[in-house]
Protein backbone atom coordinates (compact mmCIF):
# COMPACT_ATOMS: atom_id res chain seq x y z
CA UNK A 1 13.92 1.85 -18.56
CA UNK A 2 16.67 4.54 -17.66
CA UNK A 3 16.24 8.03 -16.52
CA UNK A 4 18.33 8.81 -19.65
CA UNK A 5 15.69 7.15 -22.21
CA UNK A 6 12.88 8.45 -20.45
CA UNK A 7 14.44 12.14 -20.72
CA UNK A 8 15.01 11.50 -24.36
CA UNK A 9 11.50 10.42 -25.23
CA UNK A 10 10.06 13.08 -23.04
CA UNK A 11 12.56 15.88 -24.86
CA UNK A 12 11.17 14.33 -28.13
CA UNK A 13 7.27 14.21 -26.92
CA UNK A 14 7.89 17.92 -26.27
CA UNK A 15 8.87 18.91 -29.73
CA UNK A 16 6.27 16.67 -31.22
CA UNK A 17 3.51 18.53 -28.79
CA UNK A 18 5.13 21.97 -29.50
CA UNK A 19 5.21 21.49 -33.50
CA UNK A 20 1.52 20.28 -33.48
CA UNK A 21 0.53 23.32 -31.02
CA UNK A 22 2.24 25.54 -33.44
CA UNK A 23 -0.13 24.05 -36.46
CA UNK A 24 -2.85 24.40 -34.42
CA UNK A 25 -2.23 28.16 -33.39
CA UNK A 26 -1.80 28.90 -36.84
CA UNK A 27 -5.17 27.55 -38.10
CA UNK A 28 -6.78 29.18 -34.56
CA UNK A 29 -5.53 32.13 -35.04
CA UNK A 30 -5.88 32.93 -38.64
CA UNK A 31 -5.95 30.39 -41.14
CA UNK A 32 -9.57 29.21 -40.49
CA UNK A 33 -10.40 32.95 -40.50
CA UNK A 34 -9.02 33.98 -43.67
CA UNK A 35 -10.64 30.77 -45.03
CA UNK A 36 -14.27 31.99 -43.91
CA UNK A 37 -13.72 35.30 -45.43
CA UNK A 38 -13.27 34.04 -49.31
CA UNK A 39 -16.34 32.71 -51.17
CA UNK A 40 -17.53 29.30 -49.92
CA UNK A 41 -16.71 27.15 -52.59
CA UNK A 42 -12.99 28.72 -52.73
CA UNK A 43 -12.74 27.88 -48.92
CA UNK A 44 -13.84 24.60 -49.01
CA UNK A 45 -11.42 23.85 -52.40
CA UNK A 46 -8.60 25.36 -49.94
CA UNK A 47 -9.59 23.23 -47.04
CA UNK A 48 -9.79 20.07 -49.07
CA UNK A 49 -6.24 20.39 -50.70
CA UNK A 50 -4.97 21.48 -47.16
CA UNK A 51 -6.43 18.22 -45.91
CA UNK A 52 -4.93 16.06 -48.77
CA UNK A 53 -1.42 17.70 -48.68
CA UNK A 54 -0.94 17.56 -44.76
CA UNK A 55 -0.95 13.57 -45.25
CA UNK A 56 2.63 13.43 -45.70
CA UNK A 57 5.08 11.24 -44.04
CA UNK A 58 6.80 13.91 -42.25
CA UNK A 59 3.48 15.15 -40.95
CA UNK A 60 2.64 11.65 -39.96
CA UNK A 61 5.85 11.18 -37.93
CA UNK A 62 5.20 13.97 -35.62
CA UNK A 63 1.13 13.25 -35.66
CA UNK A 64 1.36 9.58 -34.55
CA UNK A 65 4.73 9.67 -33.10
CA UNK A 66 3.80 12.23 -30.38
CA UNK A 67 0.57 10.22 -28.92
CA UNK A 68 2.90 7.04 -29.26
CA UNK A 69 5.41 8.89 -27.17
CA UNK A 70 2.85 9.94 -25.00
CA UNK A 71 1.66 6.41 -24.11
CA UNK A 72 5.03 5.21 -23.42
CA UNK A 73 5.78 8.24 -21.05
CA UNK A 74 2.53 7.40 -19.51
CA UNK A 75 3.25 4.01 -18.68
CA UNK A 76 6.56 4.87 -17.45
CA UNK A 77 5.81 7.84 -15.29
CA UNK A 78 3.27 5.17 -13.48
CA UNK A 79 5.70 2.15 -13.34
CA UNK A 80 8.22 4.32 -12.14
CA UNK A 81 7.02 7.08 -10.15
CA UNK A 82 9.19 9.48 -8.89
CA UNK A 83 6.98 12.51 -7.47
CA UNK A 84 6.70 15.58 -9.44
CA UNK A 85 8.64 14.70 -12.47
CA UNK A 86 6.27 11.65 -13.06
CA UNK A 87 3.42 13.44 -12.49
CA UNK A 88 4.10 16.36 -14.92
CA UNK A 89 5.21 13.19 -17.64
CA UNK A 90 1.88 11.75 -17.02
CA UNK A 91 -0.34 15.16 -17.22
CA UNK A 92 1.50 15.69 -20.36
CA UNK A 93 0.66 12.44 -21.84
CA UNK A 94 -3.09 12.50 -20.94
CA UNK A 95 -3.27 15.98 -22.15
CA UNK A 96 -1.68 15.06 -25.40
CA UNK A 97 -3.11 11.94 -26.08
CA UNK A 98 -6.73 12.85 -24.98
CA UNK A 99 -7.31 16.50 -25.87
CA UNK A 100 -4.98 16.61 -29.06
CA UNK A 101 -4.87 13.39 -30.73
CA UNK A 102 -8.23 11.92 -29.69
CA UNK A 103 -9.82 15.32 -30.39
CA UNK A 104 -8.64 15.22 -33.66
CA UNK A 105 -9.50 11.76 -34.60
CA UNK A 106 -13.17 11.91 -32.99
CA UNK A 107 -14.19 15.54 -34.01
CA UNK A 108 -11.71 16.86 -36.73
CA UNK A 109 -11.27 14.28 -38.91
CA UNK A 110 -14.48 13.19 -39.71
CA UNK A 111 -15.57 16.54 -40.27
CA UNK A 112 -12.64 16.51 -42.96
CA UNK A 113 -13.87 13.40 -44.16
CA UNK A 114 -17.31 15.14 -44.74
CA UNK A 115 -15.92 17.93 -46.32
CA UNK A 116 -13.92 16.10 -48.64
CA UNK A 117 -17.17 14.26 -49.72
CA UNK A 118 -18.73 17.41 -50.68
CA UNK A 119 -19.10 19.65 -54.08
CA UNK A 120 -17.56 23.06 -53.15
CA UNK A 121 -20.02 24.60 -55.73
CA UNK A 122 -23.09 22.73 -54.07
CA UNK A 123 -25.57 24.61 -51.78
CA UNK A 124 -24.79 21.83 -49.45
CA UNK A 125 -21.64 22.28 -49.60
CA UNK A 126 -21.88 26.05 -48.53
CA UNK A 127 -24.53 25.10 -45.85
CA UNK A 128 -21.93 22.58 -44.34
CA UNK A 129 -18.99 24.88 -44.89
CA UNK A 130 -20.78 27.49 -42.10
CA UNK A 131 -21.07 24.82 -39.64
CA UNK A 132 -17.84 23.60 -40.48
CA UNK A 133 -15.98 26.29 -39.82
CA UNK A 134 -17.18 26.69 -36.38
CA UNK A 135 -17.49 23.71 -35.21
CA UNK A 136 -13.83 22.60 -36.66
CA UNK A 137 -12.35 25.83 -35.40
CA UNK A 138 -13.63 25.03 -31.75
CA UNK A 139 -12.34 21.55 -31.39
CA UNK A 140 -9.03 23.05 -33.34
CA UNK A 141 -8.94 25.54 -30.23
CA UNK A 142 -8.96 22.69 -27.69
CA UNK A 143 -6.09 20.94 -29.73
CA UNK A 144 -4.55 23.76 -29.46
CA UNK A 145 -4.49 24.58 -25.61
CA UNK A 146 -4.22 20.81 -24.98
CA UNK A 147 -1.00 20.49 -26.84
CA UNK A 148 0.35 23.65 -25.44
CA UNK A 149 -0.42 22.46 -21.88
CA UNK A 150 1.22 19.13 -22.52
CA UNK A 151 4.27 20.78 -24.16
CA UNK A 152 4.70 22.94 -20.76
CA UNK A 153 4.09 19.68 -18.68
CA UNK A 154 6.97 17.87 -20.73
CA UNK A 155 9.22 20.87 -20.02
CA UNK A 156 8.30 21.18 -16.77
CA UNK A 157 9.04 17.14 -16.24
CA UNK A 158 12.18 17.80 -18.17
CA UNK A 159 13.29 20.74 -15.69
CA UNK A 160 12.76 18.79 -12.64
CA UNK A 161 14.85 15.78 -13.88
CA UNK A 162 18.02 17.95 -14.64
């Protein structure tokens, strides 16, 4: 694969990682705190709606496209190793695929699925909501940090190539 194609793929991976970092940053810095400040039933309903609404084609392109680009870039980095640029490309790919995408699939999505099945007005819902806020947000901090780190690595890989 040509250097130009690798550059383009890395550029779009950086954009995807940046978009996701911004989304996760929003939830980590204020959205979850705001949801935690309102009554549990209202917070649960709001998060249930967020989790339904976010499932749209534009989000899916970024959410699934970025780790796909990361996998391709990881293979390209190893196959065509050329020093620091490849190292940053591989680091960005691993950070994003493992620390952002897999964390989402393994931790945040199952918690969202459990939340979706709960009656917001129930005692079980309120009990789950308290632990959900803490655990979901902690894993979201991981996603925020790793997507930002992946973004930085992709930018570093691009800057070395130019």
